[in-house]
N, C-alpha and C. Protein backbone atom coordinates (compact mmCIF):
# COMPACT_ATOMS: atom_id res chain seq x y z
N UNK A 1 0.43 272.91 124.97
CA UNK A 1 1.64 272.89 123.82
C UNK A 1 0.61 272.24 123.04
N UNK A 2 -0.14 271.44 123.10
CA UNK A 2 -0.59 269.76 122.31
C UNK A 2 -1.21 271.21 121.61
N UNK A 3 -2.04 272.12 121.58
CA UNK A 3 -2.62 273.29 121.14
C UNK A 3 -2.04 274.01 119.86
N UNK A 4 -1.13 274.38 120.22
CA UNK A 4 0.00 274.85 119.30
C UNK A 4 0.79 274.27 118.55
N UNK A 5 1.24 272.75 118.57
CA UNK A 5 1.41 272.00 117.70
C UNK A 5 0.29 271.61 116.91
N UNK A 6 -1.14 271.41 116.66
CA UNK A 6 -1.72 271.11 115.94
C UNK A 6 -1.95 272.19 114.84
N UNK A 7 -2.63 273.72 115.57
CA UNK A 7 -2.46 275.11 115.13
C UNK A 7 -1.35 274.62 113.62
N UNK A 8 -0.04 274.46 114.73
CA UNK A 8 1.16 274.58 113.34
C UNK A 8 1.66 273.32 112.71
N UNK A 9 0.95 272.46 112.84
CA UNK A 9 0.99 271.65 112.05
C UNK A 9 -0.38 271.57 110.87
N UNK A 10 -1.48 272.06 111.76
CA UNK A 10 -2.77 272.43 110.19
C UNK A 10 -1.92 273.56 109.45
N UNK A 11 -1.04 274.61 110.44
CA UNK A 11 -1.03 275.55 109.47
C UNK A 11 -0.18 275.22 108.27
N UNK A 12 0.65 274.32 108.13
CA UNK A 12 1.79 274.05 107.43
C UNK A 12 0.89 272.40 105.96
N UNK A 13 -0.32 272.26 106.57
CA UNK A 13 -1.23 271.12 106.04
C UNK A 13 -1.86 272.65 104.92
N UNK A 14 -2.27 273.82 105.49
CA UNK A 14 -3.03 274.76 105.09
C UNK A 14 -2.12 275.36 103.87
N UNK A 15 -1.08 275.62 104.39
CA UNK A 15 -0.16 275.68 103.01
C UNK A 15 0.57 275.31 101.90
N UNK A 16 0.23 273.97 102.11
CA UNK A 16 0.00 273.28 100.78
C UNK A 16 -0.74 273.33 99.63
N UNK A 17 0.35 273.89 98.88
CA UNK A 17 -0.63 274.25 97.44
C UNK A 17 -1.59 273.29 97.18
N UNK A 18 -1.10 271.94 97.46
CA UNK A 18 -1.60 271.10 96.33
C UNK A 18 -2.76 270.77 97.42
N UNK A 19 -2.65 270.23 98.48
CA UNK A 19 -3.83 270.49 99.19
C UNK A 19 -5.27 271.19 99.60
N UNK A 20 -4.55 272.04 99.06
CA UNK A 20 -5.32 273.68 100.11
C UNK A 20 -6.69 273.36 98.17
N UNK A 21 -5.65 273.58 97.53
CA UNK A 21 -6.81 273.51 95.95
C UNK A 21 -7.36 272.29 96.05
N UNK A 22 -7.41 270.56 96.52
CA UNK A 22 -8.14 270.26 96.47
C UNK A 22 -9.51 270.48 97.96
N UNK A 23 -9.10 270.69 98.65
CA UNK A 23 -9.96 271.27 99.69
C UNK A 23 -10.64 272.64 99.41
N UNK A 24 -10.40 272.95 98.53
CA UNK A 24 -11.57 274.62 97.81
C UNK A 24 -12.03 273.76 97.02
N UNK A 25 -11.69 273.00 96.65
CA UNK A 25 -12.77 272.51 95.25
C UNK A 25 -13.58 271.86 95.86
N UNK A 26 -13.47 270.72 96.54
CA UNK A 26 -14.53 270.77 97.64
C UNK A 26 -15.87 270.99 98.17
N UNK A 27 -15.05 272.50 98.36
CA UNK A 27 -16.54 273.34 99.13
C UNK A 27 -16.86 273.75 98.59
N UNK A 28 -16.15 274.21 96.77
CA UNK A 28 -17.21 274.17 95.72
C UNK A 28 -17.92 273.74 95.29
N UNK A 29 -17.93 272.00 95.18
CA UNK A 29 -18.84 271.16 94.90
C UNK A 29 -20.17 270.95 95.83
N UNK A 30 -19.83 270.99 97.50
CA UNK A 30 -20.49 271.34 98.56
C UNK A 30 -21.96 272.68 98.43
N UNK A 31 -21.09 273.78 97.79
CA UNK A 31 -22.21 274.74 97.71
C UNK A 31 -23.09 274.71 96.09
N UNK A 32 -22.53 274.00 95.21
CA UNK A 32 -23.61 273.33 93.89
C UNK A 32 -23.98 272.56 94.52
N UNK A 33 -23.85 271.23 95.33
CA UNK A 33 -25.23 270.79 95.46
C UNK A 33 -26.02 271.00 96.41
N UNK A 34 -25.94 272.66 96.87
CA UNK A 34 -26.74 272.99 97.65
C UNK A 34 -27.86 273.43 97.20
N UNK A 35 -27.82 273.77 95.95
CA UNK A 35 -28.41 274.49 94.93
C UNK A 35 -29.74 273.74 94.06
N UNK A 36 -29.07 272.65 94.46
CA UNK A 36 -29.73 271.17 93.83
C UNK A 36 -30.81 270.25 94.55
N UNK A 37 -32.13 270.45 94.34
CA UNK A 37 -32.94 269.70 95.61
C UNK A 37 -32.77 268.47 95.45
N UNK A 38 -32.44 267.21 94.09
CA UNK A 38 -32.51 266.05 94.62
C UNK A 38 -31.48 266.10 95.70
N UNK A 39 -29.73 266.39 95.03
CA UNK A 39 -28.47 266.54 95.44
C UNK A 39 -28.29 266.53 96.97
N UNK A 40 -29.59 268.07 97.40
CA UNK A 40 -29.83 268.14 98.94
C UNK A 40 -30.53 266.94 99.25
N UNK A 41 -31.47 266.23 99.27
CA UNK A 41 -32.14 265.04 99.54
C UNK A 41 -31.24 263.59 99.54
N UNK A 42 -30.06 263.60 98.30
CA UNK A 42 -29.01 262.54 98.41
C UNK A 42 -28.16 262.31 99.72
N UNK A 43 -28.00 263.97 99.81
CA UNK A 43 -27.11 264.41 101.20
C UNK A 43 -27.44 263.79 101.98
N UNK A 44 -28.46 264.10 102.22
CA UNK A 44 -29.40 264.23 103.76
C UNK A 44 -29.37 262.14 103.81
N UNK A 45 -29.65 261.21 103.01
CA UNK A 45 -29.27 260.50 102.55
C UNK A 45 -28.39 259.59 103.61
N UNK A 46 -27.65 260.16 102.70
CA UNK A 46 -25.98 260.09 102.85
C UNK A 46 -25.20 259.77 104.68
N UNK A 47 -25.68 261.03 104.96
CA UNK A 47 -25.68 260.87 106.34
C UNK A 47 -26.27 260.71 107.70
N UNK A 48 -27.77 260.23 107.19
CA UNK A 48 -28.37 259.47 107.71
C UNK A 48 -27.64 257.54 107.81
N UNK A 49 -26.91 257.20 106.49
CA UNK A 49 -26.77 255.91 106.04
C UNK A 49 -25.36 256.56 107.23
N UNK A 50 -24.37 257.50 107.18
CA UNK A 50 -23.21 257.55 107.71
C UNK A 50 -23.06 257.12 109.14
N UNK A 51 -23.71 256.83 110.15
CA UNK A 51 -24.03 257.25 111.44
C UNK A 51 -23.41 255.99 112.20
N UNK A 52 -22.37 256.04 112.49
CA UNK A 52 -22.18 254.56 113.16
C UNK A 52 -21.52 253.99 111.89
N UNK A 53 -21.48 254.52 110.85
CA UNK A 53 -20.89 253.89 109.08
C UNK A 53 -19.50 254.27 108.83
N UNK A 54 -18.80 253.73 107.96
CA UNK A 54 -17.90 254.67 107.97
C UNK A 54 -18.37 256.30 106.09
N UNK A 55 -17.83 257.17 106.30
CA UNK A 55 -18.08 257.80 104.84
C UNK A 55 -17.38 256.61 103.83
N UNK A 56 -17.05 256.23 103.46
CA UNK A 56 -16.34 255.95 102.19
C UNK A 56 -17.74 255.11 102.15
N UNK A 57 -18.07 253.79 103.06
CA UNK A 57 -19.32 253.64 102.16
C UNK A 57 -20.14 254.18 102.26
N UNK A 58 -20.65 254.83 102.98
CA UNK A 58 -21.30 256.27 102.71
C UNK A 58 -21.84 255.90 101.22
N UNK A 59 -20.75 256.76 101.00
CA UNK A 59 -19.62 257.13 99.49
C UNK A 59 -20.61 256.26 98.12
N UNK A 60 -20.10 255.11 98.92
CA UNK A 60 -20.41 253.74 97.97
C UNK A 60 -21.68 253.78 97.73
N UNK A 61 -22.34 253.25 98.67
CA UNK A 61 -23.61 252.88 99.29
C UNK A 61 -25.27 254.47 98.32
N UNK A 62 -24.11 255.31 98.30
CA UNK A 62 -24.90 256.65 97.88
C UNK A 62 -24.93 256.64 96.63
N UNK A 63 -23.48 256.20 95.63
CA UNK A 63 -23.32 256.36 94.29
C UNK A 63 -24.62 255.23 93.73
N UNK A 64 -24.41 254.40 94.57
CA UNK A 64 -24.88 252.28 94.11
C UNK A 64 -26.29 252.62 93.82
N UNK A 65 -27.36 253.48 94.47
CA UNK A 65 -28.42 254.17 94.99
C UNK A 65 -29.32 254.18 94.81
N UNK A 66 -28.45 255.29 93.92
CA UNK A 66 -28.61 256.60 93.28
C UNK A 66 -29.88 257.49 93.39
N UNK A 67 -30.87 256.94 92.43
CA UNK A 67 -32.47 257.59 92.28
C UNK A 67 -33.40 257.13 93.00
N UNK A 68 -32.81 256.22 93.51
CA UNK A 68 -33.62 254.50 94.05
C UNK A 68 -34.09 255.51 95.70
N UNK A 69 -33.12 256.46 95.98
CA UNK A 69 -33.49 257.05 97.12
C UNK A 69 -35.11 257.98 97.50
N UNK A 70 -35.42 258.12 95.94
CA UNK A 70 -36.53 259.07 96.10
C UNK A 70 -38.20 258.08 95.21
N UNK A 71 -37.58 256.98 95.14
CA UNK A 71 -39.00 256.24 94.70
C UNK A 71 -39.08 254.61 95.79
N UNK A 72 -37.84 254.05 96.11
CA UNK A 72 -37.99 252.36 96.78
C UNK A 72 -39.10 253.11 98.09
N UNK A 73 -40.06 252.07 98.20
CA UNK A 73 -40.46 252.01 99.82
C UNK A 73 -39.74 251.54 100.63
N UNK A 74 -40.04 251.08 101.91
CA UNK A 74 -38.92 251.44 103.17
C UNK A 74 -38.65 249.89 102.68
N UNK A 75 -39.35 248.60 102.37
CA UNK A 75 -39.00 247.29 102.37
C UNK A 75 -38.33 247.46 101.16
N UNK A 76 -38.62 248.09 100.03
CA UNK A 76 -37.83 248.02 98.73
C UNK A 76 -35.97 248.16 99.51
N UNK A 77 -36.15 249.61 99.88
CA UNK A 77 -34.87 249.95 100.23
C UNK A 77 -33.95 249.02 101.31
N UNK A 78 -34.72 248.10 102.28
CA UNK A 78 -34.06 247.51 103.39
C UNK A 78 -33.12 246.96 102.64
N UNK A 79 -34.07 246.43 101.74
CA UNK A 79 -33.25 245.01 101.08
C UNK A 79 -32.34 245.45 99.80
N UNK A 80 -32.60 246.81 99.32
CA UNK A 80 -31.12 247.44 98.43
C UNK A 80 -29.95 247.13 99.14
N UNK A 81 -30.47 248.02 100.54
CA UNK A 81 -29.24 248.56 101.65
C UNK A 81 -28.51 246.60 102.19
N UNK A 82 -29.32 246.33 102.32
CA UNK A 82 -28.73 244.63 102.74
C UNK A 82 -28.07 244.41 101.93
N UNK A 83 -28.62 244.05 100.61
CA UNK A 83 -27.71 243.63 99.49
C UNK A 83 -26.33 244.39 99.07
N UNK A 84 -26.06 245.41 99.63
CA UNK A 84 -25.46 246.85 99.09
C UNK A 84 -23.92 246.29 100.56
N UNK A 85 -24.67 245.16 101.55
CA UNK A 85 -23.81 244.89 102.91
C UNK A 85 -24.16 246.22 103.61
N UNK A 86 -25.20 247.02 103.39
CA UNK A 86 -25.08 247.12 104.69
C UNK A 86 -25.25 247.17 106.59
N UNK A 87 -24.53 247.63 107.40
CA UNK A 87 -24.89 246.81 108.44
C UNK A 87 -26.58 247.54 108.65
N UNK A 88 -26.86 248.31 109.05
CA UNK A 88 -28.46 248.36 109.28
C UNK A 88 -29.63 248.76 108.86
N UNK A 89 -29.76 247.43 107.85
CA UNK A 89 -30.66 248.49 106.58
C UNK A 89 -32.46 248.61 106.48
N UNK A 90 -32.95 247.94 107.88
CA UNK A 90 -34.27 248.30 108.35
C UNK A 90 -34.48 249.14 109.12
N UNK A 91 -33.66 250.22 109.56
CA UNK A 91 -33.40 251.10 110.45
C UNK A 91 -33.56 251.97 109.61
N UNK A 92 -32.36 252.39 108.86
CA UNK A 92 -31.96 253.70 108.21
C UNK A 92 -32.87 253.93 106.85
N UNK A 93 -33.68 252.38 106.19
CA UNK A 93 -34.79 252.62 105.36
C UNK A 93 -35.30 253.63 105.95
N UNK A 94 -36.18 252.82 106.98
CA UNK A 94 -37.21 253.82 107.44
C UNK A 94 -37.06 255.00 108.18
N UNK A 95 -35.82 255.39 108.31
CA UNK A 95 -35.06 256.82 108.73
C UNK A 95 -35.34 258.17 106.66
N UNK A 96 -35.17 256.71 106.24
CA UNK A 96 -34.99 257.31 105.32
C UNK A 96 -36.06 257.70 104.44
N UNK A 97 -36.88 256.74 104.65
CA UNK A 97 -38.45 257.40 103.88
C UNK A 97 -39.24 258.30 104.64
N UNK A 98 -39.19 258.33 106.21
CA UNK A 98 -39.84 258.94 106.64
C UNK A 98 -39.43 260.44 106.55
N UNK A 99 -37.27 260.73 106.35
CA UNK A 99 -37.25 262.00 105.84
C UNK A 99 -37.73 262.13 104.47
N UNK A 100 -37.84 261.51 103.77
CA UNK A 100 -38.38 261.61 102.09
C UNK A 100 -39.60 262.71 102.19
N UNK A 101 -40.69 262.38 103.26
CA UNK A 101 -41.83 262.76 103.77
C UNK A 101 -41.94 263.97 104.29
N UNK A 102 -40.66 264.39 105.25
CA UNK A 102 -40.77 265.51 105.56
C UNK A 102 -40.00 266.59 104.92
N UNK A 103 -39.69 265.82 103.54
CA UNK A 103 -38.19 267.00 102.81
C UNK A 103 -38.79 268.30 102.30
N UNK A 104 -40.17 268.53 102.19
CA UNK A 104 -40.51 269.65 101.97
C UNK A 104 -40.54 270.67 103.20
N UNK A 105 -40.50 270.79 104.03
CA UNK A 105 -40.38 270.69 105.37
C UNK A 105 -38.62 271.33 105.25
N UNK A 106 -37.98 270.28 105.40
CA UNK A 106 -36.54 270.69 104.91
C UNK A 106 -35.51 271.73 104.36
N UNK A 107 -36.80 271.46 102.80
CA UNK A 107 -36.28 272.17 102.06
C UNK A 107 -36.75 273.83 102.28
N UNK A 108 -37.43 273.75 103.35
CA UNK A 108 -38.41 274.85 103.43
C UNK A 108 -37.21 275.94 104.59
N UNK A 109 -37.12 275.16 105.34
CA UNK A 109 -35.81 275.92 106.47
C UNK A 109 -34.69 275.50 106.39
N UNK A 110 -34.05 275.40 105.12
CA UNK A 110 -32.94 275.86 104.52
C UNK A 110 -33.04 276.78 103.75
N UNK A 111 -33.88 277.10 103.52
CA UNK A 111 -34.33 278.44 102.16
C UNK A 111 -34.53 279.47 102.72
N UNK A 112 -35.58 279.29 104.20
CA UNK A 112 -35.79 280.81 104.78
C UNK A 112 -34.90 280.62 106.10
N UNK A 113 -34.14 279.75 106.74
CA UNK A 113 -33.31 280.18 108.16
C UNK A 113 -32.12 280.66 107.73
N UNK A 114 -31.78 282.06 108.26
CA UNK A 114 -30.55 281.96 107.29
C UNK A 114 -29.55 281.72 108.99
N UNK A 115 -29.56 281.81 110.73
CA UNK A 115 -28.75 280.81 111.30
C UNK A 115 -28.58 279.18 111.30
N UNK A 116 -27.34 279.32 111.05
CA UNK A 116 -27.14 277.86 111.12
C UNK A 116 -26.99 277.29 112.29
N UNK A 117 -27.04 277.51 113.17
CA UNK A 117 -27.06 276.81 114.81
C UNK A 117 -28.89 276.22 114.86
N UNK A 118 -29.63 277.27 114.07
CA UNK A 118 -31.45 276.84 114.45
C UNK A 118 -31.47 276.02 113.42
N UNK A 119 -30.27 276.15 111.94
CA UNK A 119 -30.78 274.79 111.16
C UNK A 119 -31.05 273.59 111.62
N UNK A 120 -29.34 273.25 112.36
CA UNK A 120 -28.53 272.11 112.83
C UNK A 120 -29.83 271.97 113.71
N UNK A 121 -30.15 272.74 114.66
CA UNK A 121 -31.12 272.42 115.79
C UNK A 121 -32.59 271.52 115.46
N UNK A 122 -33.06 272.05 114.44
CA UNK A 122 -34.26 271.73 113.52
C UNK A 122 -34.09 270.35 113.16
N UNK A 123 -32.80 270.40 113.00
CA UNK A 123 -32.87 268.84 111.70
C UNK A 123 -32.49 267.91 112.68
N UNK A 124 -31.72 267.85 114.53
CA UNK A 124 -31.83 267.35 114.84
C UNK A 124 -32.75 266.99 115.84
N UNK A 125 -33.66 267.56 115.70
CA UNK A 125 -34.95 268.04 116.50
C UNK A 125 -36.00 266.52 115.70
N UNK A 126 -35.88 266.92 114.14
CA UNK A 126 -37.06 266.33 113.62
C UNK A 126 -36.66 265.56 112.53
N UNK A 127 -35.57 264.84 112.23
CA UNK A 127 -35.35 264.01 111.08
C UNK A 127 -34.86 262.76 111.71
N UNK A 128 -35.52 261.61 112.15
CA UNK A 128 -34.77 260.60 112.72
C UNK A 128 -33.98 260.72 112.07
N UNK A 129 -32.84 259.75 112.86
CA UNK A 129 -31.07 259.82 112.56
C UNK A 129 -30.28 260.60 112.74
N UNK A 130 -30.57 261.42 112.34
CA UNK A 130 -29.92 263.10 112.48
C UNK A 130 -29.34 263.48 114.00
N UNK A 131 -28.57 263.51 114.17
CA UNK A 131 -28.28 264.19 115.46
C UNK A 131 -27.14 265.18 115.00
N UNK A 132 -26.55 265.61 116.49
CA UNK A 132 -25.74 267.03 116.11
C UNK A 132 -24.52 267.06 114.77
N UNK A 133 -24.09 265.98 115.27
CA UNK A 133 -23.08 265.16 114.04
C UNK A 133 -23.24 265.65 113.24
N UNK A 134 -24.46 264.36 112.62
CA UNK A 134 -25.04 264.27 110.92
C UNK A 134 -25.62 265.56 110.27
N UNK A 135 -26.23 266.07 111.34
CA UNK A 135 -27.11 266.95 110.99
C UNK A 135 -25.51 268.47 110.60
N UNK A 136 -25.02 268.48 111.05
CA UNK A 136 -23.05 269.10 111.01
C UNK A 136 -22.62 268.66 109.63
N UNK A 137 -22.88 267.45 108.84
CA UNK A 137 -22.56 266.78 107.82
C UNK A 137 -23.05 267.05 107.06
N UNK A 138 -24.26 266.82 107.08
CA UNK A 138 -24.84 267.13 106.10
C UNK A 138 -25.26 268.39 105.59
N UNK A 139 -25.65 269.33 106.71
CA UNK A 139 -25.45 270.99 106.01
C UNK A 139 -23.89 271.48 105.65
N UNK A 140 -22.92 271.04 106.07
CA UNK A 140 -20.98 271.01 105.01
C UNK A 140 -21.39 270.53 103.60
N UNK A 141 -22.21 269.83 103.81
CA UNK A 141 -22.23 269.01 102.44
C UNK A 141 -22.87 269.26 101.11
N UNK A 142 -23.51 270.98 101.59
CA UNK A 142 -24.38 271.18 100.98
C UNK A 142 -24.41 272.63 101.07
N UNK A 143 -23.37 273.61 101.23
CA UNK A 143 -23.21 274.46 101.11
C UNK A 143 -22.38 275.44 102.41
N UNK A 144 -22.69 275.18 103.90
CA UNK A 144 -23.26 275.54 104.68
C UNK A 144 -21.11 275.64 105.17
N UNK A 145 -21.36 276.64 106.31
CA UNK A 145 -19.48 276.88 106.08
C UNK A 145 -19.03 276.97 108.17
N UNK A 146 -20.40 277.13 108.85
CA UNK A 146 -19.73 276.99 110.23
C UNK A 146 -20.25 276.84 110.89
N UNK A 147 -19.98 275.23 110.87
CA UNK A 147 -20.18 274.17 111.93
C UNK A 147 -19.36 272.85 111.70
N UNK A 148 -19.18 272.68 113.18
CA UNK A 148 -17.88 271.84 113.02
C UNK A 148 -18.49 270.08 112.81
N UNK A 149 -17.92 269.38 112.41
CA UNK A 149 -18.67 267.61 112.26
C UNK A 149 -17.41 267.23 113.36
N UNK A 150 -17.99 266.35 114.59
CA UNK A 150 -17.06 266.10 115.77
C UNK A 150 -17.57 264.77 115.16
N UNK A 151 -16.50 264.55 114.53
CA UNK A 151 -16.37 262.61 114.25
C UNK A 151 -15.60 261.63 115.18
N UNK A 152 -15.27 260.58 114.73
CA UNK A 152 -14.70 260.00 115.35
C UNK A 152 -13.08 260.47 114.77
N UNK A 153 -12.90 260.58 113.70
CA UNK A 153 -11.36 261.61 113.28
C UNK A 153 -11.30 262.38 113.83
N UNK A 154 -12.15 263.01 114.15
CA UNK A 154 -12.14 264.83 114.06
C UNK A 154 -11.59 264.46 116.34
N UNK A 155 -11.67 263.38 117.05
CA UNK A 155 -11.75 263.84 118.08
C UNK A 155 -10.62 262.89 118.18
N UNK A 156 -10.27 261.55 117.50
CA UNK A 156 -8.68 261.27 117.28
C UNK A 156 -7.88 262.16 117.52
N UNK A 157 -8.35 263.20 116.50
CA UNK A 157 -6.71 264.44 116.23
C UNK A 157 -6.89 264.76 117.81
N UNK A 158 -8.28 265.51 118.07
CA UNK A 158 -7.79 265.97 119.45
C UNK A 158 -7.60 265.69 120.67
N UNK A 159 -7.90 264.15 120.21
CA UNK A 159 -7.24 262.99 121.76
C UNK A 159 -5.97 263.66 121.88
N UNK A 160 -5.12 263.12 120.51
CA UNK A 160 -3.30 262.65 119.87
C UNK A 160 -3.16 263.83 120.58
N UNK A 161 -3.93 265.18 120.46
CA UNK A 161 -2.86 266.51 120.97
C UNK A 161 -3.15 266.73 121.99
N UNK A 162 -4.21 265.85 122.78
CA UNK A 162 -4.09 266.54 124.28
C UNK A 162 -5.37 267.34 124.38
N UNK A 163 -6.29 267.16 123.64
CA UNK A 163 -6.94 268.90 123.34
C UNK A 163 -8.67 268.47 124.41
N UNK A 164 -8.44 267.02 123.86
CA UNK A 164 -9.61 266.39 124.68
C UNK A 164 -8.99 265.23 126.06
N UNK A 165 -9.55 264.45 126.78
CA UNK A 165 -8.59 263.37 127.65
C UNK A 165 -8.50 262.62 127.14
N UNK A 166 -9.92 262.31 126.60
CA UNK A 166 -10.11 260.45 126.00
C UNK A 166 -11.37 261.03 124.68
N UNK A 167 -11.58 259.40 124.23
CA UNK A 167 -12.42 259.59 123.02
C UNK A 167 -14.09 259.29 123.31
N UNK A 168 -14.85 260.12 123.52
CA UNK A 168 -15.86 259.74 124.28
C UNK A 168 -16.75 258.75 123.21
N UNK A 169 -17.80 257.75 123.57
CA UNK A 169 -18.53 257.64 122.56
C UNK A 169 -19.87 257.71 122.46
N UNK A 170 -20.18 258.47 122.88
CA UNK A 170 -20.91 259.38 122.37
C UNK A 170 -20.70 261.44 123.30
N UNK A 171 -21.78 261.74 122.01
CA UNK A 171 -21.51 263.43 122.95
C UNK A 171 -22.86 264.09 123.41
N UNK A 172 -23.19 264.70 124.52
CA UNK A 172 -24.03 265.37 124.14
C UNK A 172 -24.04 266.56 123.90
N UNK A 173 -25.24 267.05 123.80
CA UNK A 173 -25.33 267.91 122.63
C UNK A 173 -24.32 270.13 123.71
N UNK A 174 -24.55 269.44 124.96
CA UNK A 174 -23.69 270.62 125.60
C UNK A 174 -22.03 270.31 125.20
N UNK A 175 -21.45 269.11 125.17
CA UNK A 175 -20.30 268.66 124.97
C UNK A 175 -19.67 268.94 123.90
N UNK A 176 -20.94 268.75 122.64
CA UNK A 176 -20.44 268.71 121.26
C UNK A 176 -20.49 270.61 120.80
N UNK A 177 -20.91 271.67 121.70
CA UNK A 177 -20.51 272.88 121.71
C UNK A 177 -19.44 273.30 122.00
N UNK A 178 -18.77 272.32 123.04
CA UNK A 178 -18.27 272.73 123.83
C UNK A 178 -16.80 272.34 123.04
N UNK A 179 -17.18 271.06 122.35
CA UNK A 179 -15.20 271.39 121.70
C UNK A 179 -15.66 271.68 119.76
N UNK A 180 -16.72 272.48 119.52
CA UNK A 180 -16.80 272.93 118.62
C UNK A 180 -16.68 274.57 118.50
N UNK A 181 -16.98 275.69 120.00
CA UNK A 181 -15.68 275.71 120.09
C UNK A 181 -14.23 276.42 120.37
N UNK A 182 -13.40 275.39 120.78
CA UNK A 182 -12.61 274.68 120.55
C UNK A 182 -12.08 274.72 118.70
N UNK A 183 -12.83 274.30 118.18
CA UNK A 183 -12.93 274.49 116.41
C UNK A 183 -12.51 275.40 116.36
N UNK A 184 -13.88 276.60 116.58
CA UNK A 184 -14.01 277.47 116.18
C UNK A 184 -12.76 278.08 116.21
N UNK A 185 -11.95 278.55 117.63
CA UNK A 185 -10.55 279.00 117.50
C UNK A 185 -9.49 278.94 116.82
N UNK A 186 -9.68 277.39 116.61
CA UNK A 186 -8.65 277.17 115.71
C UNK A 186 -8.44 277.41 113.91
N UNK A 187 -10.04 277.64 113.61
CA UNK A 187 -10.04 277.91 112.02
C UNK A 187 -9.79 279.20 112.45
N UNK A 188 -10.40 280.64 113.60
CA UNK A 188 -9.93 281.81 113.43
C UNK A 188 -8.79 281.75 113.69
N UNK A 189 -7.51 281.55 114.25
CA UNK A 189 -6.24 281.12 114.05
C UNK A 189 -5.50 280.93 112.21
N UNK A 190 -6.27 279.55 112.07
CA UNK A 190 -5.66 279.44 110.91
C UNK A 190 -6.52 280.21 109.02
N UNK A 191 -7.75 280.89 109.76
CA UNK A 191 -8.01 281.87 108.49
C UNK A 191 -9.12 280.59 107.62
N UNK A 192 -9.49 280.31 108.48
CA UNK A 192 -10.01 279.10 107.35
C UNK A 192 -11.92 278.47 108.19
N UNK A 193 -13.05 278.18 107.38
CA UNK A 193 -13.42 278.09 107.54
C UNK A 193 -13.90 277.18 108.02
N UNK A 194 -15.14 276.24 109.42
CA UNK A 194 -15.04 274.91 109.82
C UNK A 194 -15.17 274.22 109.37
N UNK A 195 -15.93 274.57 108.29
CA UNK A 195 -15.86 273.33 107.23
C UNK A 195 -15.06 272.96 106.50
N UNK A 196 -13.51 274.27 106.28
CA UNK A 196 -12.29 273.44 105.54
C UNK A 196 -11.70 272.69 106.49
N UNK A 197 -11.66 273.31 108.25
CA UNK A 197 -11.13 272.82 108.95
C UNK A 197 -10.91 271.62 108.95
N UNK A 198 -11.99 270.97 109.28
CA UNK A 198 -13.06 269.39 109.27
C UNK A 198 -12.24 268.64 107.84
N UNK A 199 -12.27 269.63 106.51
CA UNK A 199 -11.24 268.24 105.50
C UNK A 199 -9.91 268.29 105.85
N UNK A 200 -9.10 269.33 106.03
CA UNK A 200 -7.80 269.43 107.06
C UNK A 200 -7.63 268.70 108.22
N UNK A 201 -7.92 268.29 108.98
CA UNK A 201 -8.12 267.73 110.18
C UNK A 201 -8.63 265.97 109.80
N UNK A 202 -9.35 265.73 108.90
CA UNK A 202 -9.42 264.35 108.34
C UNK A 202 -8.62 264.12 107.38
N UNK A 203 -7.61 264.82 106.90
CA UNK A 203 -6.28 265.18 106.43
C UNK A 203 -5.29 264.21 106.96
N UNK A 204 -5.44 265.04 108.23
CA UNK A 204 -4.51 264.78 109.00
C UNK A 204 -4.39 263.63 109.83
N UNK A 205 -5.55 262.80 110.08
CA UNK A 205 -5.74 261.78 110.95
C UNK A 205 -6.47 260.49 109.77
N UNK A 206 -6.24 260.68 108.20
CA UNK A 206 -5.99 259.35 107.54
C UNK A 206 -5.35 259.83 106.87
N UNK A 207 -5.11 260.95 105.91
CA UNK A 207 -4.25 260.77 104.68
C UNK A 207 -5.06 261.29 103.59
N UNK A 208 -6.87 261.49 103.70
CA UNK A 208 -7.50 262.23 102.57
C UNK A 208 -8.38 263.24 102.42
N UNK A 209 -8.79 263.49 102.02
CA UNK A 209 -9.71 264.63 101.81
C UNK A 209 -10.93 264.11 101.07
N UNK A 210 -11.96 263.77 101.44
CA UNK A 210 -13.17 263.07 101.74
C UNK A 210 -14.78 264.29 101.66
N UNK A 211 -15.45 263.93 101.56
CA UNK A 211 -17.11 264.70 101.83
C UNK A 211 -16.80 264.63 103.15
């Protein structure tokens, strides 16, 4: 019953012209971002920052730092993050500088590999600070559409409707893929992509459509 109720509520939201217009505008924006190398790196930094942090906070810090993602060294970036009230300045500054050094390889695999799940696995295996959730978020934010972003908001919705028994503190890759299959089934019923579904699930939990 929980599954059917969630699908029913999502169908109502998807049919809301105002909300759907916002979601589709976001999707177009993501695809446009994916064509700009510097914006793609900025999104990778954003996703490194939002792990165990808030999307709103990550957006604020991404906006404040701007071009400094490309030029500050580790110590300078850590100090900048600290001044902005970020929770993990040293660790994430280190990850971002390492990602900057690796970015030629990131860009290459984004352009050469067709299978989105392979790109996600490569990112999770090679970019420090990036797991399946962060890799999925990054790829969605640069225009990929067939990966689920299983964060606390999505888990809360699935738990509320009885699709998962409890909200896990961490997700193994196997569990992540299992939940992704459930979300894929919901997306298929609604005739939307997983990228769109994530935005609708966020709306159910927060009343907002963010990136």
